[in-house]
Amino acid sequence: MKLDNVKHIGIVGLGMIGDSMAVLTTGHGYKTTCVARRAEMIPEYKKTYDNYFRQMIDQGLMPENQTQICEKYLKYTIDINEIADCDIVFECVTENLELKQEVLARIETACQSVRAICSVSSSFTPDMMSEKMTKYKDRLIVTHPFNPAHMVPFFELCGGADTAPGVLEFAKEVLESLDRKPVILKKPAPGFIGNRLQFALWREALNLVESGICDPRDVDMCLNYSFCPRYTSIGMYEHFDNGGLKLNIMTCDTVFPTLSNIDAAPAAITDRIAQGDTGARAESKKGFYDWNGVDMKAYQERVNAPYWQFINWDLPKE
C-alpha cells in the first residue's frame, strides 16, 4: 500500500535497473523523477518503460490503459536538482566505484531533506561508496535488487558504519509498499546474500564440468528438475530441518571436503573470454553454449515465467 509520507521518489542512473525501478514506483502511484546522464538517451529509456508495461498488459495483469495512467507519475530530466525534495532516492548507475562515489556526492548536494539514499550496488558496501559524501553519509544504504526489479520481488538491504538508526527500516517500509520482499542484513558482506549463494553454486557447477563429471547442460537439467523448483515455495533451512540434521551432517562430512574452494575465476571462464566467447551477447554468440540460431524471445519468456505471479499491485486508477 502506498505510503502517505512518501511524496516523491528519485531514481538517478537509468538503464537495466533504473528503468525497471521506474516501472515499479510509478506502478504503485508514486511521483517519480528519473535523472539521466544524457538527454538523447531519454527516448530509449521511455521505450523500455513502455515495453515493460506492454509485457504485463499482454499477460493480463493490468488494463490496456495502465501505461498512460502510470506515466503521469513519471518525469525524466538531466537536472539532478529536480530531485531536491525527494524523500528517498535510488542510485542506479553502473557498478563502478568511482562513478558511484561521484554520483552519490552529487545526490546529497542536490537533496534538501532526503531520508534514505539507496544504492542498488550488487557488490560495494556503503562504507566503500560514501568516501566523497559529507552531508548525508548517515543516510546511505544498499538496497540490492535482482533484475528486473519490478518482477523479482527480493531486495537485500545493508547499512554501513555511519548509517543512522531508522534509515534501513524506512527503506524497507518503502520497498514493502512496492510489494517487494526486503530483508535487512545484520552486517555488510561482499555479494550480500543472493550473489554469495548464487556464486557458491556457480563455483561448484564450474568444478563439476571442469572435473569431467558432467556437461553444462547436465548441470542445468539438474537445476531445472531437482531441487530448484522446491525452493520457490519453501526455503533451504526449512528443507534441511524437515529432512533431519542427523542425515544432513553425514552428507556435509562426506561432500564438503570434495567441493571446489578456488578463489578466482577458472580457466573455463578466462579461456573463453580470451577467445572472444563471452556469452550470448558476444559477436560469436558463444559462451558455454552456442547461442547462434536460438530464439531469444522464447528464452526471455522462460526467464520471466516464474515471476509473473508476483505482479499483483495496487495500481493507480488515474
Protein backbone atom coordinates (compact mmCIF):
# COMPACT_ATOMS: atom_id res chain seq x y z
CA MET A 1 0.00 0.00 0.00
CA LYS A 2 1.29 3.44 -0.95
CA LEU A 3 2.80 5.37 1.97
CA ASP A 4 1.33 8.78 2.74
CA ASN A 5 4.67 10.10 4.00
CA VAL A 6 6.48 9.43 0.71
CA LYS A 7 5.58 12.16 -1.76
CA HIS A 8 8.44 11.95 -4.25
CA ILE A 9 10.92 9.23 -5.26
CA GLY A 10 14.12 9.90 -7.20
CA ILE A 11 15.96 7.49 -9.48
CA VAL A 12 19.45 8.51 -10.58
CA GLY A 13 21.01 6.47 -13.35
CA LEU A 14 18.84 4.76 -15.92
CA GLY A 15 19.31 1.57 -17.86
CA MET A 16 18.77 -2.01 -16.73
CA ILE A 17 17.77 -1.41 -13.09
CA GLY A 18 16.76 2.26 -13.22
CA ASP A 19 14.14 1.70 -15.94
CA SER A 20 12.70 -1.23 -14.02
CA MET A 21 12.59 0.75 -10.77
CA ALA A 22 10.63 3.50 -12.56
CA VAL A 23 8.04 0.91 -13.62
CA LEU A 24 7.82 -0.30 -10.02
CA THR A 25 7.43 3.11 -8.37
CA THR A 26 5.01 4.66 -10.87
CA GLY A 27 3.13 1.35 -11.00
CA HIS A 28 2.33 1.97 -7.34
CA GLY A 29 1.33 5.60 -7.87
CA TYR A 30 4.45 7.32 -6.56
CA LYS A 31 5.58 10.59 -8.15
CA THR A 32 8.97 9.63 -9.64
CA THR A 33 11.74 11.71 -11.17
CA CYS A 34 14.36 9.86 -13.20
CA VAL A 35 17.70 11.61 -13.70
CA ALA A 36 19.52 10.59 -16.87
CA ARG A 37 23.13 11.41 -17.74
CA ARG A 38 22.39 12.17 -21.39
CA ALA A 39 19.23 13.76 -22.78
CA GLU A 40 19.48 11.90 -26.08
CA MET A 41 19.02 8.58 -24.24
CA ILE A 42 15.71 9.52 -22.61
CA PRO A 43 13.53 8.34 -25.55
CA GLU A 44 15.22 4.93 -25.31
CA TYR A 45 14.57 4.77 -21.55
CA LYS A 46 10.91 5.66 -22.12
CA LYS A 47 10.67 2.95 -24.80
CA THR A 48 11.92 0.37 -22.30
CA TYR A 49 9.46 1.67 -19.70
CA ASP A 50 6.61 1.28 -22.19
CA ASN A 51 7.77 -2.21 -23.20
CA TYR A 52 7.79 -3.40 -19.58
CA PHE A 53 4.19 -2.27 -19.15
CA ARG A 54 3.26 -3.80 -22.51
CA GLN A 55 4.56 -7.18 -21.31
CA MET A 56 2.46 -7.01 -18.14
CA ILE A 57 -0.62 -5.90 -20.06
CA ASP A 58 -0.15 -8.75 -22.54
CA GLN A 59 -0.06 -11.16 -19.58
CA GLY A 60 -3.47 -9.88 -18.49
CA LEU A 61 -2.04 -8.41 -15.28
CA MET A 62 -3.32 -4.86 -15.81
CA PRO A 63 -5.72 -2.98 -18.08
CA GLU A 64 -4.82 -1.73 -21.55
CA ASN A 65 -4.59 1.93 -20.47
CA GLN A 66 -2.29 1.31 -17.49
CA THR A 67 0.85 2.70 -19.16
CA GLN A 68 -0.85 6.03 -19.81
CA ILE A 69 -2.05 6.23 -16.21
CA CYS A 70 1.32 5.37 -14.65
CA GLU A 71 3.41 7.62 -16.88
CA LYS A 72 1.54 10.61 -15.39
CA TYR A 73 3.63 9.97 -12.27
CA LEU A 74 6.91 9.87 -14.24
CA LYS A 75 9.32 12.64 -15.19
CA TYR A 76 12.67 12.37 -16.98
CA THR A 77 15.35 15.02 -16.60
CA ILE A 78 19.10 15.56 -16.80
CA ASP A 79 18.98 18.11 -13.96
CA ILE A 80 19.77 16.42 -10.67
CA ASN A 81 18.40 19.39 -8.77
CA GLU A 82 14.90 18.23 -9.71
CA ILE A 83 15.15 15.54 -7.02
CA ALA A 84 15.72 18.20 -4.35
CA ASP A 85 12.51 17.42 -2.44
CA CYS A 86 12.66 13.62 -2.75
CA ASP A 87 12.00 11.55 0.35
CA ILE A 88 14.04 8.62 -0.96
CA VAL A 89 16.48 8.31 -3.87
CA PHE A 90 17.63 5.13 -5.63
CA GLU A 91 21.11 5.38 -7.16
CA CYS A 92 21.22 3.01 -10.14
CA VAL A 93 24.38 3.93 -12.06
CA THR A 94 26.84 1.40 -13.47
CA GLU A 95 28.74 -0.81 -11.00
CA ASN A 96 31.84 1.38 -10.96
CA LEU A 97 33.05 2.52 -7.55
CA GLU A 98 34.47 5.89 -8.60
CA LEU A 99 31.33 6.71 -10.58
CA LYS A 100 29.07 5.76 -7.69
CA GLN A 101 31.12 7.87 -5.27
CA GLU A 102 30.83 10.86 -7.59
CA VAL A 103 27.09 10.44 -8.20
CA LEU A 104 26.27 9.87 -4.52
CA ALA A 105 28.10 13.09 -3.62
CA ARG A 106 26.01 14.93 -6.24
CA ILE A 107 22.80 13.42 -4.88
CA GLU A 108 23.45 14.61 -1.35
CA THR A 109 24.28 18.10 -2.63
CA ALA A 110 21.03 18.26 -4.60
CA CYS A 111 18.70 16.89 -1.91
CA GLN A 112 17.27 19.07 0.84
CA SER A 113 16.00 16.54 3.37
CA VAL A 114 16.20 13.07 1.86
CA ARG A 115 15.52 10.28 4.36
CA ALA A 116 17.38 7.50 2.53
CA ILE A 117 19.82 7.28 -0.36
CA CYS A 118 19.67 3.74 -1.67
CA SER A 119 22.38 2.33 -3.91
CA VAL A 120 21.42 -0.73 -5.92
CA SER A 121 25.03 -1.91 -5.87
CA SER A 122 25.46 -5.65 -6.23
CA SER A 123 28.90 -5.79 -4.59
CA PHE A 124 30.01 -2.49 -2.99
CA THR A 125 29.21 -1.79 0.65
CA PRO A 126 28.04 1.65 1.90
CA ASP A 127 31.39 2.34 3.56
CA MET A 128 33.14 1.85 0.21
CA MET A 129 30.79 4.20 -1.62
CA SER A 130 30.45 7.04 0.90
CA GLU A 131 34.05 8.29 0.64
CA LYS A 132 33.14 11.60 -1.06
CA MET A 133 29.94 12.23 0.89
CA THR A 134 29.81 14.87 3.63
CA LYS A 135 26.17 15.76 4.30
CA TYR A 136 24.13 12.54 4.16
CA LYS A 137 26.67 9.79 4.70
CA ASP A 138 24.43 8.57 7.53
CA ARG A 139 21.55 8.03 5.08
CA LEU A 140 23.39 5.92 2.52
CA ILE A 141 22.45 2.24 2.38
CA VAL A 142 22.47 -0.59 -0.16
CA THR A 143 19.15 -1.87 -1.49
CA HIS A 144 20.30 -4.61 -3.86
CA PRO A 145 17.62 -5.99 -6.22
CA PHE A 146 17.69 -8.72 -8.82
CA ASN A 147 16.95 -7.86 -12.44
CA PRO A 148 14.32 -6.90 -13.41
CA ALA A 149 13.46 -5.19 -10.14
CA HIS A 150 9.77 -4.76 -10.97
CA MET A 151 9.37 -8.54 -11.45
CA VAL A 152 11.78 -10.13 -8.96
CA PRO A 153 10.48 -9.11 -5.53
CA PHE A 154 13.55 -9.80 -3.36
CA PHE A 155 15.71 -6.91 -2.13
CA GLU A 156 18.62 -7.20 0.33
CA LEU A 157 19.45 -4.15 2.42
CA CYS A 158 22.53 -3.26 4.43
CA GLY A 159 23.93 -0.19 6.12
CA GLY A 160 27.43 0.96 6.92
CA ALA A 161 29.35 2.22 9.92
CA ASP A 162 27.72 5.66 9.63
CA THR A 163 24.14 4.62 8.85
CA ALA A 164 21.71 6.38 11.19
CA PRO A 165 19.05 4.49 13.15
CA GLY A 166 15.80 4.11 11.26
CA VAL A 167 17.17 4.57 7.72
CA LEU A 168 17.16 0.87 6.86
CA GLU A 169 13.74 0.42 8.41
CA PHE A 170 12.32 3.35 6.41
CA ALA A 171 13.73 1.98 3.15
CA LYS A 172 12.33 -1.45 3.98
CA GLU A 173 8.90 0.08 4.58
CA VAL A 174 9.04 1.86 1.21
CA LEU A 175 10.03 -1.35 -0.58
CA GLU A 176 7.26 -3.29 1.16
CA SER A 177 4.80 -0.66 -0.08
CA LEU A 178 6.12 -1.54 -3.57
CA ASP A 179 5.21 -5.20 -2.96
CA ARG A 180 8.87 -6.19 -2.60
CA LYS A 181 10.24 -8.75 -0.12
CA PRO A 182 13.18 -6.92 1.52
CA VAL A 183 15.49 -8.27 4.19
CA ILE A 184 17.99 -6.31 6.30
CA LEU A 185 21.45 -7.82 6.74
CA LYS A 186 22.96 -7.63 10.22
CA LYS A 187 26.25 -6.53 8.66
CA PRO A 188 27.51 -5.95 5.12
CA ALA A 189 29.33 -8.64 3.13
CA PRO A 190 30.56 -8.52 -0.49
CA GLY A 191 27.83 -10.01 -2.69
CA PHE A 192 25.32 -9.82 0.18
CA ILE A 193 23.05 -12.90 0.39
CA GLY A 194 21.86 -13.61 -3.12
CA ASN A 195 25.12 -13.33 -5.04
CA ARG A 196 27.07 -15.21 -2.39
CA LEU A 197 24.66 -18.12 -2.64
CA GLN A 198 24.45 -17.93 -6.43
CA PHE A 199 28.22 -17.81 -6.92
CA ALA A 200 28.89 -20.56 -4.38
CA LEU A 201 26.61 -22.73 -6.53
CA TRP A 202 28.28 -21.42 -9.71
CA ARG A 203 31.75 -22.27 -8.38
CA GLU A 204 30.73 -25.89 -7.84
CA ALA A 205 28.90 -26.02 -11.19
CA LEU A 206 32.15 -24.96 -12.88
CA ASN A 207 34.05 -27.55 -10.86
CA LEU A 208 31.68 -30.35 -11.91
CA VAL A 209 32.24 -29.57 -15.59
CA GLU A 210 36.00 -28.93 -15.34
CA SER A 211 36.45 -32.17 -13.40
CA GLY A 212 34.81 -34.13 -16.22
CA ILE A 213 31.87 -35.23 -14.07
CA CYS A 214 29.19 -33.80 -16.38
CA ASP A 215 28.44 -31.25 -19.11
CA PRO A 216 26.92 -27.74 -18.65
CA ARG A 217 23.57 -28.94 -19.92
CA ASP A 218 23.55 -31.73 -17.31
CA VAL A 219 24.03 -29.15 -14.57
CA ASP A 220 21.19 -27.03 -15.93
CA MET A 221 18.94 -30.09 -16.23
CA CYS A 222 19.63 -30.89 -12.57
CA LEU A 223 18.74 -27.35 -11.50
CA ASN A 224 15.55 -27.29 -13.58
CA TYR A 225 14.22 -30.66 -12.47
CA SER A 226 15.55 -31.42 -8.98
CA PHE A 227 15.84 -29.06 -6.04
CA CYS A 228 15.44 -25.56 -7.57
CA PRO A 229 11.65 -25.77 -8.10
CA ARG A 230 11.30 -26.78 -4.43
CA TYR A 231 12.91 -23.54 -3.32
CA THR A 232 10.22 -21.42 -4.96
CA SER A 233 7.81 -22.44 -2.22
CA ILE A 234 9.97 -23.46 0.77
CA GLY A 235 13.38 -22.33 1.99
CA MET A 236 16.67 -24.20 2.31
CA TYR A 237 16.70 -24.06 6.10
CA GLU A 238 13.12 -25.31 6.15
CA HIS A 239 14.04 -28.16 3.81
CA PHE A 240 17.05 -29.41 5.76
CA ASP A 241 15.29 -29.04 9.11
CA ASN A 242 12.46 -31.15 7.76
CA GLY A 243 14.87 -33.78 6.40
CA GLY A 244 16.65 -34.03 9.74
CA LEU A 245 20.04 -32.72 10.78
CA LYS A 246 21.45 -36.19 11.50
CA LEU A 247 21.18 -37.04 7.82
CA ASN A 248 22.41 -33.56 6.97
CA ILE A 249 25.62 -33.83 8.99
CA MET A 250 26.59 -37.11 7.32
CA THR A 251 26.16 -35.55 3.89
CA CYS A 252 28.09 -32.44 4.96
CA ASP A 253 31.01 -34.53 6.20
CA THR A 254 31.06 -36.61 3.02
CA VAL A 255 30.55 -33.89 0.41
CA PHE A 256 32.15 -30.73 1.86
CA PRO A 257 35.75 -32.00 1.57
CA THR A 258 35.24 -32.63 -2.16
CA LEU A 259 33.76 -29.25 -3.08
CA SER A 260 35.67 -26.61 -5.00
CA ASN A 261 37.46 -23.95 -2.96
CA ILE A 262 39.03 -21.93 -5.79
CA ASP A 263 39.31 -18.20 -5.08
CA ALA A 264 39.38 -16.81 -8.64
CA ALA A 265 37.66 -17.43 -11.97
CA PRO A 266 38.85 -20.73 -13.51
CA ALA A 267 40.21 -21.39 -16.99
CA ALA A 268 36.74 -22.47 -18.10
CA ILE A 269 35.81 -18.78 -17.99
CA THR A 270 39.10 -16.99 -18.70
CA ASP A 271 39.94 -19.13 -21.74
CA ARG A 272 36.54 -18.46 -23.30
CA ILE A 273 36.90 -14.73 -22.71
CA ALA A 274 40.37 -14.78 -24.29
CA GLN A 275 38.96 -16.22 -27.50
CA GLY A 276 36.01 -13.84 -27.59
CA ASP A 277 33.34 -16.28 -26.49
CA THR A 278 31.87 -14.11 -23.74
CA GLY A 279 28.28 -15.32 -23.89
CA ALA A 280 25.02 -14.85 -25.75
CA ARG A 281 25.70 -11.16 -26.49
CA ALA A 282 29.22 -11.74 -27.85
CA GLU A 283 29.91 -11.29 -31.55
CA SER A 284 30.47 -15.04 -31.74
CA LYS A 285 27.23 -15.63 -29.78
CA LYS A 286 29.03 -18.32 -27.82
CA GLY A 287 29.85 -18.91 -24.17
CA PHE A 288 29.37 -22.29 -22.55
CA TYR A 289 26.53 -22.69 -25.06
CA ASP A 290 26.32 -21.80 -28.74
CA TRP A 291 23.54 -19.19 -28.96
CA ASN A 292 23.54 -18.91 -32.73
CA GLY A 293 20.02 -19.53 -34.04
CA VAL A 294 18.47 -19.56 -30.57
CA ASP A 295 15.02 -17.94 -30.31
CA MET A 296 15.90 -15.24 -27.78
CA LYS A 297 12.29 -14.10 -27.42
CA ALA A 298 11.31 -17.61 -26.30
CA TYR A 299 14.32 -17.66 -23.98
CA GLN A 300 13.22 -14.37 -22.37
CA GLU A 301 9.73 -15.77 -21.91
CA ARG A 302 11.24 -18.66 -19.94
CA VAL A 303 13.24 -16.18 -17.85
CA ASN A 304 10.10 -14.22 -16.98
CA ALA A 305 7.71 -17.14 -16.47
CA PRO A 306 8.28 -17.75 -12.72
CA TYR A 307 7.84 -14.09 -11.81
CA TRP A 308 4.50 -13.04 -13.30
CA GLN A 309 2.77 -14.35 -10.16
CA PHE A 310 4.37 -11.58 -8.10
CA ILE A 311 2.80 -8.73 -10.08
CA ASN A 312 -0.37 -8.17 -8.10
CA TRP A 313 -0.11 -4.47 -7.39
CA ASP A 314 -2.48 -1.86 -6.06
CA LEU A 315 -2.32 0.05 -9.35
CA PRO A 316 -3.18 3.75 -9.64
CA LYS A 317 -6.54 4.22 -11.30
CA GLU A 318 -5.98 7.76 -12.59
